[in-house]
Amino acid sequence: GKTRSSMLDDETVAPIFEDMEVRIMENDAPETLLKLVHQRPNFYSLFAIGPLTNISLVLKKDPEWFNKLRHVYFMAGNFICEGNTPNEVSEWNLFADPL
């Protein structure tokens, strides 16, 4: 069978992307998040699985933006254990950008 490395070589992976159309977005991530949620309040759920930089920028423009989301989930904490950051107690996503 194929090994992981043989499945990821250029000959296997590159053809998948050959005909892919790449489009540059008109807006950056915060503007896109603002626009989408304003167009359909209480429709979208937010799953934040990294540092919260874009969410912070959204909230600077619209502090009520969170209230327009259906659900909000953060991968942002640890409970009764050591963290994975230089200060040994924080979770990386909040340590990197705590809002």
Foldseek 3Di string as FASTA:
>chain_A
DDDPVRCPDCVNPVVVCPPDDDDDDPDDPLVVLLVVLVVQFLPAEAEAEAACVSVVVNCVVPVCSVVRYNYYHYPWADDPAFEDDPVGRGHHNCVVHVD
